[in-house]
């Protein structure tokens, strides 16, 4: 099929770049041709949809907070593109999505899609509760990105490692980043890209490191501290315990819930410090999570 791929998030950071690599590779491996791509959701493109056999939407970061009208209307633009595709008799796929605080009324469109997948159970439950549609569930596509099984890099062996945090999710007066004294002396491993540039908007955009190289480098570390969902996935892929600061939606909570594990998510700096200690003392809880993730089926692609 000739495919229009919507919401290419590869510039966001290494995790999203890994998502897009897996998505593209699966489409091509199944004999599909990617003819058109949109970096971020835009209003429905009638010309491109008409010229395609199918529209494939990467659901990362778009289908949330519609009821607040936030994110520049990305959610509505995304859903309108899928609706136009179905009106024109095309196949339509919504994949790898978060579904969070979306307006009611999308049920008929969601039921008409040729495939519908989310990454965690909270999105699945919310979609079923409000839209009466139950999507299929697969881990975030970054988890399926191939990683060569090599020895872990020696520079991070048995060390506490710090990643990145989104300041906009922190309470006023409790703002911190990787330079805070609680992380003094810790080596840093970040995901780069647009997400990292948000911390220093006037600095050049940090280069996006290779996802597989990040996994290889983190292997053997004692702990990874992160405020990013893909930071959690990085730690899981490297099988390294982690302490995580919250995001505004339920995508991290939903991963832990479907795995049946009570792993704390910090909402303050003090909680994050406590969770770092907790993680070091509960490595068995993380091994359960890593083992569970390795048994999960991967998204198979589209026909």
C-alpha atoms as a PDB file:
ATOM      1  CA  UNK A   1       0.000   0.000   0.000  1.00  0.00           C
ATOM      2  CA  UNK A   2       0.954   3.631  -0.471  1.00  0.00           C
ATOM      3  CA  UNK A   3       1.079   5.024   3.059  1.00  0.00           C
ATOM      4  CA  UNK A   4       0.791   8.538   4.471  1.00  0.00           C
ATOM      5  CA  UNK A   5       2.669   8.523   7.810  1.00  0.00           C
ATOM      6  CA  UNK A   6       1.441  11.210  10.184  1.00  0.00           C
ATOM      7  CA  UNK A   7       3.129  12.544  13.343  1.00  0.00           C
ATOM      8  CA  UNK A   8       6.796  11.790  12.741  1.00  0.00           C
ATOM      9  CA  UNK A   9       8.258  12.554  16.192  1.00  0.00           C
ATOM     10  CA  UNK A  10      11.860  11.534  15.416  1.00  0.00           C
ATOM     11  CA  UNK A  11      13.246  15.004  16.174  1.00  0.00           C
ATOM     12  CA  UNK A  12      11.806  14.978  19.707  1.00  0.00           C
ATOM     13  CA  UNK A  13      14.439  12.717  21.302  1.00  0.00           C
ATOM     14  CA  UNK A  14      16.174   9.340  20.948  1.00  0.00           C
ATOM     15  CA  UNK A  15      13.163   7.390  22.209  1.00  0.00           C
ATOM     16  CA  UNK A  16      10.854   8.890  19.609  1.00  0.00           C
ATOM     17  CA  UNK A  17      13.496   8.391  16.944  1.00  0.00           C
ATOM     18  CA  UNK A  18      13.548   4.699  17.883  1.00  0.00           C
ATOM     19  CA  UNK A  19       9.735   4.590  17.669  1.00  0.00           C
ATOM     20  CA  UNK A  20       9.778   6.004  14.141  1.00  0.00           C
ATOM     21  CA  UNK A  21      12.564   3.643  13.048  1.00  0.00           C
ATOM     22  CA  UNK A  22      10.578   0.604  14.202  1.00  0.00           C
ATOM     23  CA  UNK A  23       7.369   1.921  12.629  1.00  0.00           C
ATOM     24  CA  UNK A  24       9.010   2.636   9.276  1.00  0.00           C
ATOM     25  CA  UNK A  25      10.903  -0.653   9.223  1.00  0.00           C
ATOM     26  CA  UNK A  26       7.768  -2.682   9.964  1.00  0.00           C
ATOM     27  CA  UNK A  27       5.818  -0.900   7.235  1.00  0.00           C
ATOM     28  CA  UNK A  28       8.566  -1.417   4.666  1.00  0.00           C
ATOM     29  CA  UNK A  29       9.101  -5.034   5.721  1.00  0.00           C
ATOM     30  CA  UNK A  30       5.424  -5.698   4.980  1.00  0.00           C
ATOM     31  CA  UNK A  31       5.812  -4.311   1.477  1.00  0.00           C
ATOM     32  CA  UNK A  32       4.309  -0.862   2.018  1.00  0.00           C
ATOM     33  CA  UNK A  33       5.638   2.346   0.480  1.00  0.00           C
ATOM     34  CA  UNK A  34       5.784   5.484   2.620  1.00  0.00           C
ATOM     35  CA  UNK A  35       4.844   8.218   0.169  1.00  0.00           C
ATOM     36  CA  UNK A  36       4.054  11.157   2.438  1.00  0.00           C
ATOM     37  CA  UNK A  37       5.076  12.157   5.964  1.00  0.00           C
ATOM     38  CA  UNK A  38       4.038  14.912   8.365  1.00  0.00           C
ATOM     39  CA  UNK A  39       6.430  15.852  11.178  1.00  0.00           C
ATOM     40  CA  UNK A  40       3.682  16.937  13.584  1.00  0.00           C
ATOM     41  CA  UNK A  41      -0.111  16.933  13.291  1.00  0.00           C
ATOM     42  CA  UNK A  42      -1.461  19.440  10.820  1.00  0.00           C
ATOM     43  CA  UNK A  43      -4.956  19.971   9.423  1.00  0.00           C
ATOM     44  CA  UNK A  44      -6.110  17.072   7.209  1.00  0.00           C
ATOM     45  CA  UNK A  45      -4.245  16.999   3.912  1.00  0.00           C
ATOM     46  CA  UNK A  46      -6.907  16.018   1.342  1.00  0.00           C
ATOM     47  CA  UNK A  47      -4.390  15.716  -1.502  1.00  0.00           C
ATOM     48  CA  UNK A  48      -2.035  13.360   0.318  1.00  0.00           C
ATOM     49  CA  UNK A  49      -4.801  11.220   1.778  1.00  0.00           C
ATOM     50  CA  UNK A  50      -6.459  10.927  -1.642  1.00  0.00           C
ATOM     51  CA  UNK A  51      -3.165   9.825  -3.200  1.00  0.00           C
ATOM     52  CA  UNK A  52      -2.571   7.185  -0.502  1.00  0.00           C
ATOM     53  CA  UNK A  53      -4.085   3.797   0.206  1.00  0.00           C
ATOM     54  CA  UNK A  54      -3.770   4.218   3.959  1.00  0.00           C
ATOM     55  CA  UNK A  55      -2.985   6.726   6.670  1.00  0.00           C
ATOM     56  CA  UNK A  56      -0.840   5.556   9.592  1.00  0.00           C
ATOM     57  CA  UNK A  57      -0.746   7.774  12.680  1.00  0.00           C
ATOM     58  CA  UNK A  58       1.937   7.507  15.331  1.00  0.00           C
ATOM     59  CA  UNK A  59      -0.115   8.389  18.405  1.00  0.00           C
ATOM     60  CA  UNK A  60       2.753   9.728  20.514  1.00  0.00           C
ATOM     61  CA  UNK A  61       2.080  12.991  22.314  1.00  0.00           C
ATOM     62  CA  UNK A  62      -1.031  14.051  20.419  1.00  0.00           C
ATOM     63  CA  UNK A  63      -4.201  12.452  21.739  1.00  0.00           C
ATOM     64  CA  UNK A  64      -4.428  14.123  25.104  1.00  0.00           C
ATOM     65  CA  UNK A  65      -5.984  17.118  26.833  1.00  0.00           C
ATOM     66  CA  UNK A  66      -8.474  17.736  24.025  1.00  0.00           C
ATOM     67  CA  UNK A  67     -11.008  18.927  26.574  1.00  0.00           C
ATOM     68  CA  UNK A  68      -8.621  21.741  27.549  1.00  0.00           C
ATOM     69  CA  UNK A  69      -7.960  22.751  23.956  1.00  0.00           C
ATOM     70  CA  UNK A  70      -4.226  22.464  24.518  1.00  0.00           C
ATOM     71  CA  UNK A  71      -1.359  21.309  22.311  1.00  0.00           C
ATOM     72  CA  UNK A  72      -2.384  23.607  19.436  1.00  0.00           C
ATOM     73  CA  UNK A  73      -5.347  21.426  18.583  1.00  0.00           C
ATOM     74  CA  UNK A  74      -3.144  18.435  17.711  1.00  0.00           C
ATOM     75  CA  UNK A  75      -5.678  15.920  18.970  1.00  0.00           C
ATOM     76  CA  UNK A  76      -8.503  17.232  16.816  1.00  0.00           C
ATOM     77  CA  UNK A  77      -6.262  17.603  13.751  1.00  0.00           C
ATOM     78  CA  UNK A  78      -5.122  14.004  14.176  1.00  0.00           C
ATOM     79  CA  UNK A  79      -8.633  12.622  14.537  1.00  0.00           C
ATOM     80  CA  UNK A  80      -9.912  14.726  11.624  1.00  0.00           C
ATOM     81  CA  UNK A  81      -7.200  13.278   9.385  1.00  0.00           C
ATOM     82  CA  UNK A  82      -8.266   9.757  10.320  1.00  0.00           C
ATOM     83  CA  UNK A  83     -11.927  10.685   9.735  1.00  0.00           C
ATOM     84  CA  UNK A  84     -11.174  12.088   6.278  1.00  0.00           C
ATOM     85  CA  UNK A  85      -9.279   8.944   5.351  1.00  0.00           C
ATOM     86  CA  UNK A  86     -12.271   6.778   6.251  1.00  0.00           C
ATOM     87  CA  UNK A  87     -14.644   9.112   4.378  1.00  0.00           C
ATOM     88  CA  UNK A  88     -12.474   8.678   1.279  1.00  0.00           C
ATOM     89  CA  UNK A  89     -12.523   4.896   1.594  1.00  0.00           C
ATOM     90  CA  UNK A  90      -8.919   4.577   2.760  1.00  0.00           C
ATOM     91  CA  UNK A  91      -7.505   2.351   5.460  1.00  0.00           C
ATOM     92  CA  UNK A  92      -6.650   4.155   8.674  1.00  0.00           C
ATOM     93  CA  UNK A  93      -4.440   3.111  11.571  1.00  0.00           C
ATOM     94  CA  UNK A  94      -3.827   4.760  14.948  1.00  0.00           C
ATOM     95  CA  UNK A  95      -0.812   3.179  16.638  1.00  0.00           C
ATOM     96  CA  UNK A  96       1.417   3.564  19.703  1.00  0.00           C
ATOM     97  CA  UNK A  97      -0.964   6.083  21.243  1.00  0.00           C
ATOM     98  CA  UNK A  98      -1.595   7.657  24.584  1.00  0.00           C
ATOM     99  CA  UNK A  99      -5.298   8.474  25.161  1.00  0.00           C
ATOM    100  CA  UNK A 100      -5.741  11.009  27.945  1.00  0.00           C
ATOM    101  CA  UNK A 101      -8.574  13.427  28.712  1.00  0.00           C
ATOM    102  CA  UNK A 102     -10.013  13.282  25.220  1.00  0.00           C
ATOM    103  CA  UNK A 103     -13.515  14.577  24.538  1.00  0.00           C
ATOM    104  CA  UNK A 104     -16.332  12.029  24.206  1.00  0.00           C
ATOM    105  CA  UNK A 105     -17.833  11.243  20.824  1.00  0.00           C
ATOM    106  CA  UNK A 106     -14.887   9.655  19.024  1.00  0.00           C
ATOM    107  CA  UNK A 107     -16.210   6.109  19.476  1.00  0.00           C
ATOM    108  CA  UNK A 108     -17.708   5.629  15.974  1.00  0.00           C
ATOM    109  CA  UNK A 109     -14.487   6.783  14.303  1.00  0.00           C
ATOM    110  CA  UNK A 110     -12.297   4.666  16.574  1.00  0.00           C
ATOM    111  CA  UNK A 111     -14.425   1.592  15.809  1.00  0.00           C
ATOM    112  CA  UNK A 112     -14.014   2.206  12.076  1.00  0.00           C
ATOM    113  CA  UNK A 113     -10.203   2.137  12.182  1.00  0.00           C
ATOM    114  CA  UNK A 114      -8.342  -0.784  10.665  1.00  0.00           C
ATOM    115  CA  UNK A 115      -6.076  -1.034  13.699  1.00  0.00           C
ATOM    116  CA  UNK A 116      -5.971   0.806  17.012  1.00  0.00           C
ATOM    117  CA  UNK A 117      -3.217   0.355  19.610  1.00  0.00           C
ATOM    118  CA  UNK A 118      -2.131   2.054  22.825  1.00  0.00           C
ATOM    119  CA  UNK A 119       0.965   1.556  24.957  1.00  0.00           C
ATOM    120  CA  UNK A 120      -0.458   1.058  28.441  1.00  0.00           C
ATOM    121  CA  UNK A 121      -3.581   0.057  30.286  1.00  0.00           C
ATOM    122  CA  UNK A 122      -4.697   3.469  31.596  1.00  0.00           C
ATOM    123  CA  UNK A 123      -5.157   4.696  28.015  1.00  0.00           C
ATOM    124  CA  UNK A 124      -6.924   1.446  27.168  1.00  0.00           C
ATOM    125  CA  UNK A 125      -9.263   1.781  30.155  1.00  0.00           C
ATOM    126  CA  UNK A 126     -10.028   5.461  29.520  1.00  0.00           C
ATOM    127  CA  UNK A 127     -10.823   4.838  25.878  1.00  0.00           C
ATOM    128  CA  UNK A 128     -13.169   1.994  26.786  1.00  0.00           C
ATOM    129  CA  UNK A 129     -14.841   3.899  29.636  1.00  0.00           C
ATOM    130  CA  UNK A 130     -15.619   7.025  27.599  1.00  0.00           C
ATOM    131  CA  UNK A 131     -15.606   5.916  23.957  1.00  0.00           C
ATOM    132  CA  UNK A 132     -16.744   2.268  24.505  1.00  0.00           C
ATOM    133  CA  UNK A 133     -13.856   1.068  22.340  1.00  0.00           C
ATOM    134  CA  UNK A 134     -11.083  -1.202  23.616  1.00  0.00           C
ATOM    135  CA  UNK A 135      -7.816  -0.804  21.680  1.00  0.00           C
ATOM    136  CA  UNK A 136      -5.123  -3.429  21.460  1.00  0.00           C
ATOM    137  CA  UNK A 137      -2.149  -2.948  23.757  1.00  0.00           C
ATOM    138  CA  UNK A 138       1.536  -3.211  22.868  1.00  0.00           C
ATOM    139  CA  UNK A 139       4.581  -1.754  24.582  1.00  0.00           C
ATOM    140  CA  UNK A 140       5.957   1.482  23.203  1.00  0.00           C
ATOM    141  CA  UNK A 141       7.575   0.748  19.842  1.00  0.00           C
ATOM    142  CA  UNK A 142      10.977   1.910  21.092  1.00  0.00           C
ATOM    143  CA  UNK A 143      11.165  -1.294  23.121  1.00  0.00           C
ATOM    144  CA  UNK A 144      11.209  -3.293  19.886  1.00  0.00           C
ATOM    145  CA  UNK A 145      14.170  -1.380  18.472  1.00  0.00           C
ATOM    146  CA  UNK A 146      17.052  -3.851  17.989  1.00  0.00           C
ATOM    147  CA  UNK A 147      19.943  -3.614  20.414  1.00  0.00           C
ATOM    148  CA  UNK A 148      23.128  -5.608  19.950  1.00  0.00           C
ATOM    149  CA  UNK A 149      23.882  -7.740  22.982  1.00  0.00           C
ATOM    150  CA  UNK A 150      27.319  -6.418  23.906  1.00  0.00           C
ATOM    151  CA  UNK A 151      29.126  -5.883  27.168  1.00  0.00           C
ATOM    152  CA  UNK A 152      27.967  -2.750  28.990  1.00  0.00           C
ATOM    153  CA  UNK A 153      30.150   0.332  28.757  1.00  0.00           C
ATOM    154  CA  UNK A 154      32.632   0.442  31.624  1.00  0.00           C
ATOM    155  CA  UNK A 155      32.233   4.156  32.409  1.00  0.00           C
ATOM    156  CA  UNK A 156      28.771   3.728  33.947  1.00  0.00           C
ATOM    157  CA  UNK A 157      29.278   0.411  35.728  1.00  0.00           C
ATOM    158  CA  UNK A 158      27.572   0.412  39.153  1.00  0.00           C
ATOM    159  CA  UNK A 159      26.975   4.170  39.015  1.00  0.00           C
ATOM    160  CA  UNK A 160      23.913   6.313  39.625  1.00  0.00           C
ATOM    161  CA  UNK A 161      23.098   8.067  36.341  1.00  0.00           C
ATOM    162  CA  UNK A 162      20.820  11.084  35.812  1.00  0.00           C
ATOM    163  CA  UNK A 163      18.689  11.900  32.766  1.00  0.00           C
ATOM    164  CA  UNK A 164      16.284  14.793  32.089  1.00  0.00           C
ATOM    165  CA  UNK A 165      13.151  16.254  33.671  1.00  0.00           C
ATOM    166  CA  UNK A 166      10.358  18.462  32.322  1.00  0.00           C
ATOM    167  CA  UNK A 167      10.118  21.576  34.462  1.00  0.00           C
ATOM    168  CA  UNK A 168       6.565  22.270  33.357  1.00  0.00           C
ATOM    169  CA  UNK A 169       5.390  19.271  35.401  1.00  0.00           C
ATOM    170  CA  UNK A 170       6.903  20.600  38.636  1.00  0.00           C
ATOM    171  CA  UNK A 171       5.199  22.668  41.293  1.00  0.00           C
ATOM    172  CA  UNK A 172       6.194  26.309  41.579  1.00  0.00           C
ATOM    173  CA  UNK A 173       9.059  26.576  44.054  1.00  0.00           C
ATOM    174  CA  UNK A 174      10.081  22.953  43.544  1.00  0.00           C
ATOM    175  CA  UNK A 175      11.767  23.268  40.155  1.00  0.00           C
ATOM    176  CA  UNK A 176      14.981  21.341  39.549  1.00  0.00           C
ATOM    177  CA  UNK A 177      17.013  19.773  36.785  1.00  0.00           C
ATOM    178  CA  UNK A 178      20.072  17.532  36.423  1.00  0.00           C
ATOM    179  CA  UNK A 179      22.285  20.264  37.911  1.00  0.00           C
ATOM    180  CA  UNK A 180      20.590  20.164  41.319  1.00  0.00           C
ATOM    181  CA  UNK A 181      22.894  19.309  44.256  1.00  0.00           C
ATOM    182  CA  UNK A 182      21.106  15.974  44.808  1.00  0.00           C
ATOM    183  CA  UNK A 183      22.663  14.857  41.521  1.00  0.00           C
ATOM    184  CA  UNK A 184      26.080  16.347  42.233  1.00  0.00           C
ATOM    185  CA  UNK A 185      28.832  14.312  40.628  1.00  0.00           C
ATOM    186  CA  UNK A 186      26.497  11.910  38.854  1.00  0.00           C
ATOM    187  CA  UNK A 187      27.198  11.118  35.182  1.00  0.00           C
ATOM    188  CA  UNK A 188      24.472  12.277  32.800  1.00  0.00           C
ATOM    189  CA  UNK A 189      22.774  10.347  30.014  1.00  0.00           C
ATOM    190  CA  UNK A 190      20.104  12.310  28.127  1.00  0.00           C
ATOM    191  CA  UNK A 191      17.956  11.585  25.066  1.00  0.00           C
ATOM    192  CA  UNK A 192      18.805  14.794  23.172  1.00  0.00           C
ATOM    193  CA  UNK A 193      16.667  16.458  20.518  1.00  0.00           C
ATOM    194  CA  UNK A 194      13.893  19.037  20.813  1.00  0.00           C
ATOM    195  CA  UNK A 195      12.895  17.754  24.259  1.00  0.00           C
ATOM    196  CA  UNK A 196      16.343  18.504  25.629  1.00  0.00           C
ATOM    197  CA  UNK A 197      16.476  21.916  23.948  1.00  0.00           C
ATOM    198  CA  UNK A 198      13.432  22.962  25.973  1.00  0.00           C
ATOM    199  CA  UNK A 199      15.651  23.089  29.057  1.00  0.00           C
ATOM    200  CA  UNK A 200      18.029  25.555  27.375  1.00  0.00           C
ATOM    201  CA  UNK A 201      15.981  27.238  24.612  1.00  0.00           C
ATOM    202  CA  UNK A 202      18.796  29.541  23.476  1.00  0.00           C
ATOM    203  CA  UNK A 203      21.392  26.794  23.200  1.00  0.00           C
ATOM    204  CA  UNK A 204      21.935  24.745  20.025  1.00  0.00           C
ATOM    205  CA  UNK A 205      19.662  21.725  19.798  1.00  0.00           C
ATOM    206  CA  UNK A 206      21.448  18.749  21.375  1.00  0.00           C
ATOM    207  CA  UNK A 207      22.270  15.969  18.963  1.00  0.00           C
ATOM    208  CA  UNK A 208      20.062  12.910  19.229  1.00  0.00           C
ATOM    209  CA  UNK A 209      22.143   9.941  20.355  1.00  0.00           C
ATOM    210  CA  UNK A 210      21.568   6.487  18.920  1.00  0.00           C
ATOM    211  CA  UNK A 211      18.969   4.587  20.965  1.00  0.00           C
ATOM    212  CA  UNK A 212      20.823   1.271  20.853  1.00  0.00           C
ATOM    213  CA  UNK A 213      24.046   2.979  21.928  1.00  0.00           C
ATOM    214  CA  UNK A 214      22.234   4.555  24.887  1.00  0.00           C
ATOM    215  CA  UNK A 215      20.916   1.153  25.967  1.00  0.00           C
ATOM    216  CA  UNK A 216      24.368  -0.380  25.654  1.00  0.00           C
ATOM    217  CA  UNK A 217      25.969   2.426  27.632  1.00  0.00           C
ATOM    218  CA  UNK A 218      23.422   2.314  30.470  1.00  0.00           C
ATOM    219  CA  UNK A 219      23.745  -1.432  30.971  1.00  0.00           C
ATOM    220  CA  UNK A 220      25.474  -2.231  34.223  1.00  0.00           C
ATOM    221  CA  UNK A 221      24.566   1.077  35.906  1.00  0.00           C
ATOM    222  CA  UNK A 222      23.188   0.908  39.432  1.00  0.00           C
ATOM    223  CA  UNK A 223      20.298   3.365  38.931  1.00  0.00           C
ATOM    224  CA  UNK A 224      18.853   5.731  36.321  1.00  0.00           C
ATOM    225  CA  UNK A 225      16.953   8.840  37.461  1.00  0.00           C
ATOM    226  CA  UNK A 226      14.595  10.290  34.850  1.00  0.00           C
ATOM    227  CA  UNK A 227      11.511  12.387  34.243  1.00  0.00           C
ATOM    228  CA  UNK A 228      10.774  10.970  30.791  1.00  0.00           C
ATOM    229  CA  UNK A 229       8.630   8.029  29.746  1.00  0.00           C
ATOM    230  CA  UNK A 230      11.266   7.010  27.244  1.00  0.00           C
ATOM    231  CA  UNK A 231      13.823   7.324  30.026  1.00  0.00           C
ATOM    232  CA  UNK A 232      11.860   4.590  31.785  1.00  0.00           C
ATOM    233  CA  UNK A 233      11.880   2.508  28.595  1.00  0.00           C
ATOM    234  CA  UNK A 234      15.617   3.088  28.235  1.00  0.00           C
ATOM    235  CA  UNK A 235      16.205   1.781  31.754  1.00  0.00           C
ATOM    236  CA  UNK A 236      13.914  -1.184  31.167  1.00  0.00           C
ATOM    237  CA  UNK A 237      15.663  -2.101  27.920  1.00  0.00           C
ATOM    238  CA  UNK A 238      19.015  -1.881  29.713  1.00  0.00           C
ATOM    239  CA  UNK A 239      17.587  -3.747  32.741  1.00  0.00           C
ATOM    240  CA  UNK A 240      18.640  -1.002  35.154  1.00  0.00           C
ATOM    241  CA  UNK A 241      16.525   0.049  38.183  1.00  0.00           C
ATOM    242  CA  UNK A 242      15.188   3.591  37.967  1.00  0.00           C
ATOM    243  CA  UNK A 243      13.581   6.421  39.897  1.00  0.00           C
ATOM    244  CA  UNK A 244      11.071   8.410  37.875  1.00  0.00           C
ATOM    245  CA  UNK A 245       9.523  11.868  38.206  1.00  0.00           C
ATOM    246  CA  UNK A 246       5.965  12.194  36.968  1.00  0.00           C
ATOM    247  CA  UNK A 247       4.718  13.283  33.583  1.00  0.00           C
ATOM    248  CA  UNK A 248       1.341  15.028  33.373  1.00  0.00           C
ATOM    249  CA  UNK A 249      -0.497  12.060  31.841  1.00  0.00           C
ATOM    250  CA  UNK A 250      -0.864   8.398  32.797  1.00  0.00           C
ATOM    251  CA  UNK A 251       1.500   6.688  30.351  1.00  0.00           C
ATOM    252  CA  UNK A 252       4.100   5.682  32.973  1.00  0.00           C
ATOM    253  CA  UNK A 253       1.494   4.761  35.579  1.00  0.00           C
ATOM    254  CA  UNK A 254      -0.320   2.661  32.979  1.00  0.00           C
ATOM    255  CA  UNK A 255       2.811   0.652  32.186  1.00  0.00           C
ATOM    256  CA  UNK A 256       3.344  -0.254  35.841  1.00  0.00           C
ATOM    257  CA  UNK A 257      -0.355  -1.044  36.289  1.00  0.00           C
ATOM    258  CA  UNK A 258      -0.568  -3.515  33.394  1.00  0.00           C
ATOM    259  CA  UNK A 259       2.598  -5.203  34.680  1.00  0.00           C
ATOM    260  CA  UNK A 260       0.936  -5.527  38.085  1.00  0.00           C
ATOM    261  CA  UNK A 261       3.767  -3.784  39.926  1.00  0.00           C
ATOM    262  CA  UNK A 262       3.596  -0.971  42.460  1.00  0.00           C
ATOM    263  CA  UNK A 263       6.568   1.191  41.468  1.00  0.00           C
ATOM    264  CA  UNK A 264       6.422   4.724  42.916  1.00  0.00           C
ATOM    265  CA  UNK A 265       6.304   7.822  40.715  1.00  0.00           C
ATOM    266  CA  UNK A 266       7.573  11.012  42.339  1.00  0.00           C
ATOM    267  CA  UNK A 267       5.670  14.290  42.134  1.00  0.00           C
ATOM    268  CA  UNK A 268       8.115  16.340  44.227  1.00  0.00           C
ATOM    269  CA  UNK A 269      11.891  16.536  44.478  1.00  0.00           C
ATOM    270  CA  UNK A 270      11.738  15.120  48.014  1.00  0.00           C
ATOM    271  CA  UNK A 271       9.741  12.138  46.766  1.00  0.00           C
ATOM    272  CA  UNK A 272      12.250  11.600  43.980  1.00  0.00           C
ATOM    273  CA  UNK A 273      15.107  11.447  46.492  1.00  0.00           C
ATOM    274  CA  UNK A 274      13.159   8.904  48.543  1.00  0.00           C
ATOM    275  CA  UNK A 275      12.370   6.891  45.422  1.00  0.00           C
ATOM    276  CA  UNK A 276      16.049   6.734  44.512  1.00  0.00           C
ATOM    277  CA  UNK A 277      16.700   5.002  47.835  1.00  0.00           C
ATOM    278  CA  UNK A 278      13.626   2.795  47.385  1.00  0.00           C
ATOM    279  CA  UNK A 279      14.771   1.666  43.939  1.00  0.00           C
ATOM    280  CA  UNK A 280      18.203   0.694  45.212  1.00  0.00           C
ATOM    281  CA  UNK A 281      16.557  -1.423  47.922  1.00  0.00           C
ATOM    282  CA  UNK A 282      13.946  -3.085  45.675  1.00  0.00           C
ATOM    283  CA  UNK A 283      15.874  -4.355  42.678  1.00  0.00           C
ATOM    284  CA  UNK A 284      13.745  -7.497  42.634  1.00  0.00           C
ATOM    285  CA  UNK A 285      10.663  -5.378  41.793  1.00  0.00           C
ATOM    286  CA  UNK A 286      12.447  -4.058  38.721  1.00  0.00           C
ATOM    287  CA  UNK A 287      13.613  -7.505  37.644  1.00  0.00           C
ATOM    288  CA  UNK A 288       9.944  -8.549  37.676  1.00  0.00           C
ATOM    289  CA  UNK A 289       9.111  -5.615  35.407  1.00  0.00           C
ATOM    290  CA  UNK A 290      11.999  -6.319  33.022  1.00  0.00           C
ATOM    291  CA  UNK A 291      11.139 -10.027  32.807  1.00  0.00           C
ATOM    292  CA  UNK A 292       7.465  -9.218  32.167  1.00  0.00           C
ATOM    293  CA  UNK A 293       8.284  -6.754  29.391  1.00  0.00           C
ATOM    294  CA  UNK A 294      10.497  -9.283  27.648  1.00  0.00           C
ATOM    295  CA  UNK A 295       7.530 -11.686  27.405  1.00  0.00           C
ATOM    296  CA  UNK A 296       5.138  -9.181  25.814  1.00  0.00           C
ATOM    297  CA  UNK A 297       4.117  -9.536  22.153  1.00  0.00           C
ATOM    298  CA  UNK A 298       5.360  -6.932  19.727  1.00  0.00           C
ATOM    299  CA  UNK A 299       3.220  -4.960  17.307  1.00  0.00           C
ATOM    300  CA  UNK A 300       3.208  -7.157  14.163  1.00  0.00           C
ATOM    301  CA  UNK A 301       2.765  -4.460  11.502  1.00  0.00           C
ATOM    302  CA  UNK A 302      -0.147  -3.971   9.115  1.00  0.00           C
ATOM    303  CA  UNK A 303      -1.403  -6.061   6.212  1.00  0.00           C
END
